[in-house]
Amino acid sequence: MLLCFIDESGSPPKPTKAEYRRYFVIAALIMHESQWHGVAEEIRQLKNKKEFGVKGEIKWRYFGSDNNDKDNSVAHLSQEQRDKFRESLFEIITKRKSIRVIACAADALAAYKTAYVNNEDDLYHYTYKPVSERFQYHLQDLSRSVGDKQLGIVIADHRGKKQDELFRKEHHKLVDSTSTFTSMYENYVETIFLTPSHLSIGIQLADMVAGAIGRALNAKEIRFAKMIKPSFRHRPNGKIDGFGFVRFPAKGWGKPSGGS
């Protein structure tokens, strides 16, 4: 069984705010069920190291120098220590060659120019769709390579009752669809599982991955996104575009504000 943990880089921006935080990212961290205990134990050991002493949830936003969240689990660390902690955290992912990262980066400015993205929920769901499809493709690839059907489940962060209900509905529209424009999710098991991020190591790691990619796109700080690049799902030639990293929408992504 493959576990697909997903989380996003902050909240999807409103149409009026798209130009100020242009790129919204949903990232997936995929691991086999048998790997979870090893990953979780290494993270516990890392948090308990004397030089860190981190207690509580790990979130990308906590590592910013100006974060004043009362629940910030790394508030007691210097910026140098925070960066070292992040490096060690990402090494736990990248040293495991079978762990895979998939991400979709939505250009909110371009997305809101389409006829079908009108609000934050639309932006979220259309950013999630390519991630869900690539997870299905990953399961298919593994099935062919091992000669046995590989199954997977998606585990996502709980965001609120209304948002969760809408997300679950949109997920099932994808999974249950018979449209020729939608992937067949025959390797998926059950529904999408939604849980608070502070209770899930996997979701916290997905949050860190999404945050690193979002920071690279929005602030051009590529240090940590570059670290996790080897873990992206990739083609045989090593290319990740369209395979482990998807841009949405295809038309107008990354163009100047006045572009079409």
C-alpha atoms as a PDB file:
ATOM      1  CA  MET A   1       0.000   0.000   0.000  1.00  0.00           C
ATOM      2  CA  LEU A   2       1.304   3.450  -0.939  1.00  0.00           C
ATOM      3  CA  LEU A   3       0.500   6.422   1.288  1.00  0.00           C
ATOM      4  CA  CYS A   4       0.131   9.782  -0.437  1.00  0.00           C
ATOM      5  CA  PHE A   5       0.305  12.659   2.047  1.00  0.00           C
ATOM      6  CA  ILE A   6      -0.670  16.046   0.630  1.00  0.00           C
ATOM      7  CA  ASP A   7      -0.623  19.617   1.847  1.00  0.00           C
ATOM      8  CA  GLU A   8      -0.487  23.106   0.383  1.00  0.00           C
ATOM      9  CA  SER A   9       1.711  26.191   0.589  1.00  0.00           C
ATOM     10  CA  GLY A  10      -0.579  28.391   2.641  1.00  0.00           C
ATOM     11  CA  SER A  11      -4.098  29.267   1.534  1.00  0.00           C
ATOM     12  CA  PRO A  12      -5.042  29.733  -2.123  1.00  0.00           C
ATOM     13  CA  PRO A  13      -5.103  33.493  -2.822  1.00  0.00           C
ATOM     14  CA  LYS A  14      -8.308  35.324  -3.614  1.00  0.00           C
ATOM     15  CA  PRO A  15      -8.647  36.766  -7.141  1.00  0.00           C
ATOM     16  CA  THR A  16      -7.870  40.247  -5.781  1.00  0.00           C
ATOM     17  CA  LYS A  17      -4.674  38.995  -4.107  1.00  0.00           C
ATOM     18  CA  ALA A  18      -3.335  36.774  -6.893  1.00  0.00           C
ATOM     19  CA  GLU A  19      -0.732  39.266  -8.063  1.00  0.00           C
ATOM     20  CA  TYR A  20       0.809  39.566  -4.597  1.00  0.00           C
ATOM     21  CA  ARG A  21       1.237  35.842  -3.881  1.00  0.00           C
ATOM     22  CA  ARG A  22       1.075  34.470  -7.352  1.00  0.00           C
ATOM     23  CA  TYR A  23       2.014  30.808  -7.011  1.00  0.00           C
ATOM     24  CA  PHE A  24      -0.023  28.343  -4.984  1.00  0.00           C
ATOM     25  CA  VAL A  25       1.394  24.833  -4.519  1.00  0.00           C
ATOM     26  CA  ILE A  26      -0.080  21.495  -3.525  1.00  0.00           C
ATOM     27  CA  ALA A  27       2.575  18.859  -2.866  1.00  0.00           C
ATOM     28  CA  ALA A  28       2.382  15.131  -2.286  1.00  0.00           C
ATOM     29  CA  LEU A  29       4.847  12.977  -0.392  1.00  0.00           C
ATOM     30  CA  ILE A  30       4.492   9.321  -1.373  1.00  0.00           C
ATOM     31  CA  MET A  31       5.892   6.441   0.657  1.00  0.00           C
ATOM     32  CA  HIS A  32       5.200   2.748   1.125  1.00  0.00           C
ATOM     33  CA  GLU A  33       3.345   1.891   4.323  1.00  0.00           C
ATOM     34  CA  SER A  34       6.367  -0.072   5.545  1.00  0.00           C
ATOM     35  CA  GLN A  35       8.511   3.084   5.488  1.00  0.00           C
ATOM     36  CA  TRP A  36       6.305   5.174   7.746  1.00  0.00           C
ATOM     37  CA  HIS A  37       7.646   3.932  11.082  1.00  0.00           C
ATOM     38  CA  GLY A  38      11.268   4.497  10.052  1.00  0.00           C
ATOM     39  CA  VAL A  39      10.550   8.021   8.824  1.00  0.00           C
ATOM     40  CA  ALA A  40       8.514   8.905  11.913  1.00  0.00           C
ATOM     41  CA  GLU A  41      11.199   7.585  14.266  1.00  0.00           C
ATOM     42  CA  GLU A  42      13.968   9.560  12.540  1.00  0.00           C
ATOM     43  CA  ILE A  43      11.906  12.741  12.801  1.00  0.00           C
ATOM     44  CA  ARG A  44      11.333  12.120  16.520  1.00  0.00           C
ATOM     45  CA  GLN A  45      15.079  11.627  16.998  1.00  0.00           C
ATOM     46  CA  LEU A  46      15.831  14.803  15.047  1.00  0.00           C
ATOM     47  CA  LYS A  47      13.365  16.853  17.117  1.00  0.00           C
ATOM     48  CA  ASN A  48      14.815  15.461  20.353  1.00  0.00           C
ATOM     49  CA  LYS A  49      18.423  16.287  19.526  1.00  0.00           C
ATOM     50  CA  LYS A  50      19.949  18.525  22.183  1.00  0.00           C
ATOM     51  CA  GLU A  51      20.819  21.222  19.646  1.00  0.00           C
ATOM     52  CA  PHE A  52      17.177  21.477  18.520  1.00  0.00           C
ATOM     53  CA  GLY A  53      14.770  20.361  21.262  1.00  0.00           C
ATOM     54  CA  VAL A  54      11.729  20.836  19.038  1.00  0.00           C
ATOM     55  CA  LYS A  55       8.343  20.027  20.541  1.00  0.00           C
ATOM     56  CA  GLY A  56       5.079  20.167  18.635  1.00  0.00           C
ATOM     57  CA  GLU A  57       4.083  20.444  15.016  1.00  0.00           C
ATOM     58  CA  ILE A  58       6.502  21.234  12.198  1.00  0.00           C
ATOM     59  CA  LYS A  59       5.244  23.797   9.702  1.00  0.00           C
ATOM     60  CA  TRP A  60       7.107  25.601   6.942  1.00  0.00           C
ATOM     61  CA  ARG A  61       5.868  29.013   8.024  1.00  0.00           C
ATOM     62  CA  TYR A  62       7.350  28.550  11.509  1.00  0.00           C
ATOM     63  CA  PHE A  63      10.864  28.759  10.062  1.00  0.00           C
ATOM     64  CA  GLY A  64      10.503  32.353   8.881  1.00  0.00           C
ATOM     65  CA  SER A  65      12.447  34.880  10.948  1.00  0.00           C
ATOM     66  CA  ASP A  66       9.361  37.080  11.372  1.00  0.00           C
ATOM     67  CA  ASN A  67       6.934  34.332  12.455  1.00  0.00           C
ATOM     68  CA  ASN A  68       5.337  35.178  15.808  1.00  0.00           C
ATOM     69  CA  ASP A  69       2.833  32.315  16.010  1.00  0.00           C
ATOM     70  CA  LYS A  70       2.292  31.388  19.666  1.00  0.00           C
ATOM     71  CA  ASP A  71       2.483  27.693  18.713  1.00  0.00           C
ATOM     72  CA  ASN A  72       5.749  28.051  16.777  1.00  0.00           C
ATOM     73  CA  SER A  73       7.725  24.917  17.666  1.00  0.00           C
ATOM     74  CA  VAL A  74      11.064  26.357  16.473  1.00  0.00           C
ATOM     75  CA  ALA A  75      10.730  29.847  17.954  1.00  0.00           C
ATOM     76  CA  HIS A  76      13.588  29.145  20.387  1.00  0.00           C
ATOM     77  CA  LEU A  77      16.042  28.357  17.578  1.00  0.00           C
ATOM     78  CA  SER A  78      18.294  30.811  15.791  1.00  0.00           C
ATOM     79  CA  GLN A  79      17.836  31.175  12.035  1.00  0.00           C
ATOM     80  CA  GLU A  80      21.003  29.139  11.510  1.00  0.00           C
ATOM     81  CA  GLN A  81      19.625  26.337  13.686  1.00  0.00           C
ATOM     82  CA  ARG A  82      16.253  26.473  11.912  1.00  0.00           C
ATOM     83  CA  ASP A  83      17.947  26.099   8.536  1.00  0.00           C
ATOM     84  CA  LYS A  84      20.072  23.210   9.801  1.00  0.00           C
ATOM     85  CA  PHE A  85      16.935  21.516  11.125  1.00  0.00           C
ATOM     86  CA  ARG A  86      15.223  21.911   7.740  1.00  0.00           C
ATOM     87  CA  GLU A  87      18.240  20.477   5.951  1.00  0.00           C
ATOM     88  CA  SER A  88      18.244  17.438   8.231  1.00  0.00           C
ATOM     89  CA  LEU A  89      14.490  17.014   7.792  1.00  0.00           C
ATOM     90  CA  PHE A  90      14.723  16.997   3.999  1.00  0.00           C
ATOM     91  CA  GLU A  91      17.640  14.548   4.147  1.00  0.00           C
ATOM     92  CA  ILE A  92      15.293  12.066   5.844  1.00  0.00           C
ATOM     93  CA  ILE A  93      13.183  12.226   2.678  1.00  0.00           C
ATOM     94  CA  THR A  94      15.870  12.329   0.009  1.00  0.00           C
ATOM     95  CA  LYS A  95      18.002   9.475   1.349  1.00  0.00           C
ATOM     96  CA  ARG A  96      15.082   7.104   0.783  1.00  0.00           C
ATOM     97  CA  LYS A  97      15.140   6.540  -2.960  1.00  0.00           C
ATOM     98  CA  SER A  98      11.630   5.095  -3.130  1.00  0.00           C
ATOM     99  CA  ILE A  99       9.988   8.138  -1.521  1.00  0.00           C
ATOM    100  CA  ARG A 100       8.571  10.346  -4.252  1.00  0.00           C
ATOM    101  CA  VAL A 101       7.431  13.953  -4.404  1.00  0.00           C
ATOM    102  CA  ILE A 102       4.735  15.222  -6.757  1.00  0.00           C
ATOM    103  CA  ALA A 103       3.662  18.847  -6.901  1.00  0.00           C
ATOM    104  CA  CYS A 104       1.405  21.133  -8.873  1.00  0.00           C
ATOM    105  CA  ALA A 105       2.125  24.855  -8.890  1.00  0.00           C
ATOM    106  CA  ALA A 106      -0.813  27.030  -9.867  1.00  0.00           C
ATOM    107  CA  ASP A 107      -0.197  30.473 -11.285  1.00  0.00           C
ATOM    108  CA  ALA A 108      -3.159  32.149  -9.609  1.00  0.00           C
ATOM    109  CA  LEU A 109      -2.943  35.182 -11.860  1.00  0.00           C
ATOM    110  CA  ALA A 110      -3.242  33.031 -14.993  1.00  0.00           C
ATOM    111  CA  ALA A 111      -5.771  30.649 -13.421  1.00  0.00           C
ATOM    112  CA  TYR A 112      -8.229  33.437 -12.619  1.00  0.00           C
ATOM    113  CA  LYS A 113      -8.153  34.487 -16.264  1.00  0.00           C
ATOM    114  CA  THR A 114      -9.659  31.147 -17.275  1.00  0.00           C
ATOM    115  CA  ALA A 115     -13.418  30.650 -17.534  1.00  0.00           C
ATOM    116  CA  TYR A 116     -13.543  27.879 -14.921  1.00  0.00           C
ATOM    117  CA  VAL A 117     -11.496  29.180 -11.962  1.00  0.00           C
ATOM    118  CA  ASN A 118     -13.568  31.811 -10.171  1.00  0.00           C
ATOM    119  CA  ASN A 119     -12.667  31.517  -6.492  1.00  0.00           C
ATOM    120  CA  GLU A 120     -10.222  30.007  -4.019  1.00  0.00           C
ATOM    121  CA  ASP A 121     -12.014  26.652  -3.891  1.00  0.00           C
ATOM    122  CA  ASP A 122     -11.820  26.304  -7.679  1.00  0.00           C
ATOM    123  CA  LEU A 123      -8.109  27.136  -7.561  1.00  0.00           C
ATOM    124  CA  TYR A 124      -7.518  24.536  -4.843  1.00  0.00           C
ATOM    125  CA  HIS A 125      -9.372  21.767  -6.647  1.00  0.00           C
ATOM    126  CA  TYR A 126      -7.780  22.392 -10.042  1.00  0.00           C
ATOM    127  CA  THR A 127      -4.351  22.408  -8.399  1.00  0.00           C
ATOM    128  CA  TYR A 128      -5.132  19.121  -6.653  1.00  0.00           C
ATOM    129  CA  LYS A 129      -6.318  17.350  -9.818  1.00  0.00           C
ATOM    130  CA  PRO A 130      -2.868  16.970 -11.481  1.00  0.00           C
ATOM    131  CA  VAL A 131      -1.388  15.753  -8.191  1.00  0.00           C
ATOM    132  CA  SER A 132      -4.078  13.085  -7.853  1.00  0.00           C
ATOM    133  CA  GLU A 133      -3.536  12.006 -11.469  1.00  0.00           C
ATOM    134  CA  ARG A 134       0.245  11.703 -11.084  1.00  0.00           C
ATOM    135  CA  PHE A 135      -0.225   9.584  -7.986  1.00  0.00           C
ATOM    136  CA  GLN A 136      -2.395   7.233 -10.038  1.00  0.00           C
ATOM    137  CA  TYR A 137       0.261   7.130 -12.781  1.00  0.00           C
ATOM    138  CA  HIS A 138       2.904   6.398 -10.151  1.00  0.00           C
ATOM    139  CA  LEU A 139       0.853   3.465  -8.862  1.00  0.00           C
ATOM    140  CA  GLN A 140       0.467   2.181 -12.428  1.00  0.00           C
ATOM    141  CA  ASP A 141       4.211   2.437 -13.050  1.00  0.00           C
ATOM    142  CA  LEU A 142       4.988   0.536  -9.857  1.00  0.00           C
ATOM    143  CA  SER A 143       2.418  -2.123 -10.726  1.00  0.00           C
ATOM    144  CA  ARG A 144       4.137  -2.752 -14.054  1.00  0.00           C
ATOM    145  CA  SER A 145       7.610  -2.865 -12.513  1.00  0.00           C
ATOM    146  CA  VAL A 146       6.775  -5.319  -9.698  1.00  0.00           C
ATOM    147  CA  GLY A 147       4.224  -7.358 -11.626  1.00  0.00           C
ATOM    148  CA  ASP A 148       1.490  -6.890  -9.036  1.00  0.00           C
ATOM    149  CA  LYS A 149      -1.216  -4.241  -8.687  1.00  0.00           C
ATOM    150  CA  GLN A 150      -0.115  -1.510  -6.290  1.00  0.00           C
ATOM    151  CA  LEU A 151      -2.794   0.335  -4.335  1.00  0.00           C
ATOM    152  CA  GLY A 152      -2.746   3.730  -2.666  1.00  0.00           C
ATOM    153  CA  ILE A 153      -4.668   6.083  -0.413  1.00  0.00           C
ATOM    154  CA  VAL A 154      -4.578   9.883  -0.166  1.00  0.00           C
ATOM    155  CA  ILE A 155      -4.230  11.534   3.246  1.00  0.00           C
ATOM    156  CA  ALA A 156      -4.745  15.294   3.433  1.00  0.00           C
ATOM    157  CA  ASP A 157      -4.839  18.069   5.996  1.00  0.00           C
ATOM    158  CA  HIS A 158      -8.153  18.886   7.647  1.00  0.00           C
ATOM    159  CA  ARG A 159      -8.963  22.529   6.813  1.00  0.00           C
ATOM    160  CA  GLY A 160     -12.499  23.062   8.139  1.00  0.00           C
ATOM    161  CA  LYS A 161     -15.859  21.316   7.916  1.00  0.00           C
ATOM    162  CA  LYS A 162     -17.154  23.172   4.862  1.00  0.00           C
ATOM    163  CA  GLN A 163     -13.857  23.003   2.983  1.00  0.00           C
ATOM    164  CA  ASP A 164     -13.400  19.319   3.858  1.00  0.00           C
ATOM    165  CA  GLU A 165     -16.866  18.385   2.615  1.00  0.00           C
ATOM    166  CA  LEU A 166     -16.312  20.244  -0.640  1.00  0.00           C
ATOM    167  CA  PHE A 167     -12.857  18.723  -1.103  1.00  0.00           C
ATOM    168  CA  ARG A 168     -14.151  15.198  -0.465  1.00  0.00           C
ATOM    169  CA  LYS A 169     -16.928  15.799  -2.997  1.00  0.00           C
ATOM    170  CA  GLU A 170     -14.481  17.055  -5.636  1.00  0.00           C
ATOM    171  CA  HIS A 171     -12.126  14.133  -4.954  1.00  0.00           C
ATOM    172  CA  HIS A 172     -14.922  11.651  -5.606  1.00  0.00           C
ATOM    173  CA  LYS A 173     -15.972  13.489  -8.755  1.00  0.00           C
ATOM    174  CA  LEU A 174     -12.480  12.753 -10.062  1.00  0.00           C
ATOM    175  CA  VAL A 175     -12.225   9.177  -8.806  1.00  0.00           C
ATOM    176  CA  ASP A 176     -15.739   8.145  -9.853  1.00  0.00           C
ATOM    177  CA  SER A 177     -15.770   9.934 -13.208  1.00  0.00           C
ATOM    178  CA  THR A 178     -16.093   7.991 -16.463  1.00  0.00           C
ATOM    179  CA  SER A 179     -15.221  11.034 -18.578  1.00  0.00           C
ATOM    180  CA  THR A 180     -12.552  10.638 -21.254  1.00  0.00           C
ATOM    181  CA  PHE A 181     -11.039  13.884 -19.919  1.00  0.00           C
ATOM    182  CA  THR A 182     -10.411  12.407 -16.470  1.00  0.00           C
ATOM    183  CA  SER A 183      -7.917   9.735 -15.416  1.00  0.00           C
ATOM    184  CA  MET A 184      -9.175   6.343 -14.291  1.00  0.00           C
ATOM    185  CA  TYR A 185      -8.246   5.985 -10.622  1.00  0.00           C
ATOM    186  CA  GLU A 186      -8.366   2.204 -10.508  1.00  0.00           C
ATOM    187  CA  ASN A 187      -5.454   1.920  -8.068  1.00  0.00           C
ATOM    188  CA  TYR A 188      -7.043   4.145  -5.432  1.00  0.00           C
ATOM    189  CA  VAL A 189      -8.461   2.644  -2.232  1.00  0.00           C
ATOM    190  CA  GLU A 190     -11.411   4.045  -0.283  1.00  0.00           C
ATOM    191  CA  THR A 191     -12.060   7.774   0.023  1.00  0.00           C
ATOM    192  CA  ILE A 192      -9.699  10.648   0.765  1.00  0.00           C
ATOM    193  CA  PHE A 193      -8.672  10.679   4.425  1.00  0.00           C
ATOM    194  CA  LEU A 194      -8.644  14.088   6.135  1.00  0.00           C
ATOM    195  CA  THR A 195      -6.849  14.575   9.441  1.00  0.00           C
ATOM    196  CA  PRO A 196      -5.420  17.499  11.450  1.00  0.00           C
ATOM    197  CA  SER A 197      -1.824  18.097  10.420  1.00  0.00           C
ATOM    198  CA  HIS A 198      -0.497  18.102  14.004  1.00  0.00           C
ATOM    199  CA  LEU A 199      -1.482  14.421  14.212  1.00  0.00           C
ATOM    200  CA  SER A 200       0.267  13.388  10.990  1.00  0.00           C
ATOM    201  CA  ILE A 201       4.018  13.268  10.398  1.00  0.00           C
ATOM    202  CA  GLY A 202       3.367  12.651   6.688  1.00  0.00           C
ATOM    203  CA  ILE A 203       1.227  15.764   6.269  1.00  0.00           C
ATOM    204  CA  GLN A 204       3.809  17.849   8.119  1.00  0.00           C
ATOM    205  CA  LEU A 205       6.477  16.654   5.688  1.00  0.00           C
ATOM    206  CA  ALA A 206       4.195  17.441   2.734  1.00  0.00           C
ATOM    207  CA  ASP A 207       3.705  20.930   4.203  1.00  0.00           C
ATOM    208  CA  MET A 208       7.471  21.426   4.330  1.00  0.00           C
ATOM    209  CA  VAL A 209       7.834  20.292   0.712  1.00  0.00           C
ATOM    210  CA  ALA A 210       4.996  22.529  -0.495  1.00  0.00           C
ATOM    211  CA  GLY A 211       6.432  25.445   1.458  1.00  0.00           C
ATOM    212  CA  ALA A 212       9.883  25.031  -0.048  1.00  0.00           C
ATOM    213  CA  ILE A 213       8.486  24.946  -3.593  1.00  0.00           C
ATOM    214  CA  GLY A 214       6.170  27.881  -2.958  1.00  0.00           C
ATOM    215  CA  ARG A 215       9.031  29.909  -1.511  1.00  0.00           C
ATOM    216  CA  ALA A 216      11.199  29.147  -4.518  1.00  0.00           C
ATOM    217  CA  LEU A 217       8.491  30.339  -6.911  1.00  0.00           C
ATOM    218  CA  ASN A 218       7.228  33.369  -4.999  1.00  0.00           C
ATOM    219  CA  ALA A 219      10.454  34.652  -3.446  1.00  0.00           C
ATOM    220  CA  LYS A 220      13.122  33.059  -5.691  1.00  0.00           C
ATOM    221  CA  GLU A 221      14.728  31.366  -2.678  1.00  0.00           C
ATOM    222  CA  ILE A 222      15.615  27.983  -4.139  1.00  0.00           C
ATOM    223  CA  ARG A 223      17.873  26.501  -1.451  1.00  0.00           C
ATOM    224  CA  PHE A 224      15.437  24.009   0.034  1.00  0.00           C
ATOM    225  CA  ALA A 225      13.468  23.311  -3.142  1.00  0.00           C
ATOM    226  CA  LYS A 226      16.786  22.358  -4.756  1.00  0.00           C
ATOM    227  CA  MET A 227      17.457  19.940  -1.886  1.00  0.00           C
ATOM    228  CA  ILE A 228      14.270  17.955  -2.517  1.00  0.00           C
ATOM    229  CA  LYS A 229      14.514  17.944  -6.316  1.00  0.00           C
ATOM    230  CA  PRO A 230      16.102  14.423  -6.441  1.00  0.00           C
ATOM    231  CA  SER A 231      12.963  12.998  -4.800  1.00  0.00           C
ATOM    232  CA  PHE A 232      10.572  14.270  -7.470  1.00  0.00           C
ATOM    233  CA  ARG A 233       8.882  11.680  -9.639  1.00  0.00           C
ATOM    234  CA  HIS A 234      10.836  11.846 -12.868  1.00  0.00           C
ATOM    235  CA  ARG A 235      11.124  10.474 -16.355  1.00  0.00           C
ATOM    236  CA  PRO A 236      13.865   7.954 -17.243  1.00  0.00           C
ATOM    237  CA  ASN A 237      15.959  10.884 -18.500  1.00  0.00           C
ATOM    238  CA  GLY A 238      15.624  12.636 -15.129  1.00  0.00           C
ATOM    239  CA  LYS A 239      13.190  15.330 -16.245  1.00  0.00           C
ATOM    240  CA  ILE A 240      10.489  16.210 -13.721  1.00  0.00           C
ATOM    241  CA  ASP A 241       8.362  18.674 -15.750  1.00  0.00           C
ATOM    242  CA  GLY A 242       4.905  17.256 -16.362  1.00  0.00           C
ATOM    243  CA  PHE A 243       5.867  14.114 -14.498  1.00  0.00           C
ATOM    244  CA  GLY A 244       6.591  15.096 -10.919  1.00  0.00           C
ATOM    245  CA  PHE A 245       6.097  18.828 -11.263  1.00  0.00           C
ATOM    246  CA  VAL A 246       3.035  20.208 -13.042  1.00  0.00           C
ATOM    247  CA  ARG A 247       2.178  23.788 -13.957  1.00  0.00           C
ATOM    248  CA  PHE A 248      -1.436  24.969 -13.909  1.00  0.00           C
ATOM    249  CA  PRO A 249      -2.858  26.351 -16.108  1.00  0.00           C
ATOM    250  CA  ALA A 250      -0.733  25.372 -19.091  1.00  0.00           C
ATOM    251  CA  LYS A 251      -1.576  28.601 -20.915  1.00  0.00           C
ATOM    252  CA  GLY A 252      -0.132  31.779 -19.462  1.00  0.00           C
ATOM    253  CA  TRP A 253       1.793  30.152 -16.599  1.00  0.00           C
ATOM    254  CA  GLY A 254       4.602  32.427 -15.446  1.00  0.00           C
ATOM    255  CA  LYS A 255       4.005  35.100 -18.051  1.00  0.00           C
ATOM    256  CA  PRO A 256       4.205  38.821 -17.118  1.00  0.00           C
ATOM    257  CA  SER A 257       1.086  40.283 -15.543  1.00  0.00           C
ATOM    258  CA  GLY A 258      -0.084  41.730 -18.832  1.00  0.00           C
ATOM    259  CA  GLY A 259       0.520  38.448 -20.747  1.00  0.00           C
ATOM    260  CA  SER A 260      -2.207  36.130 -21.974  1.00  0.00           C
END
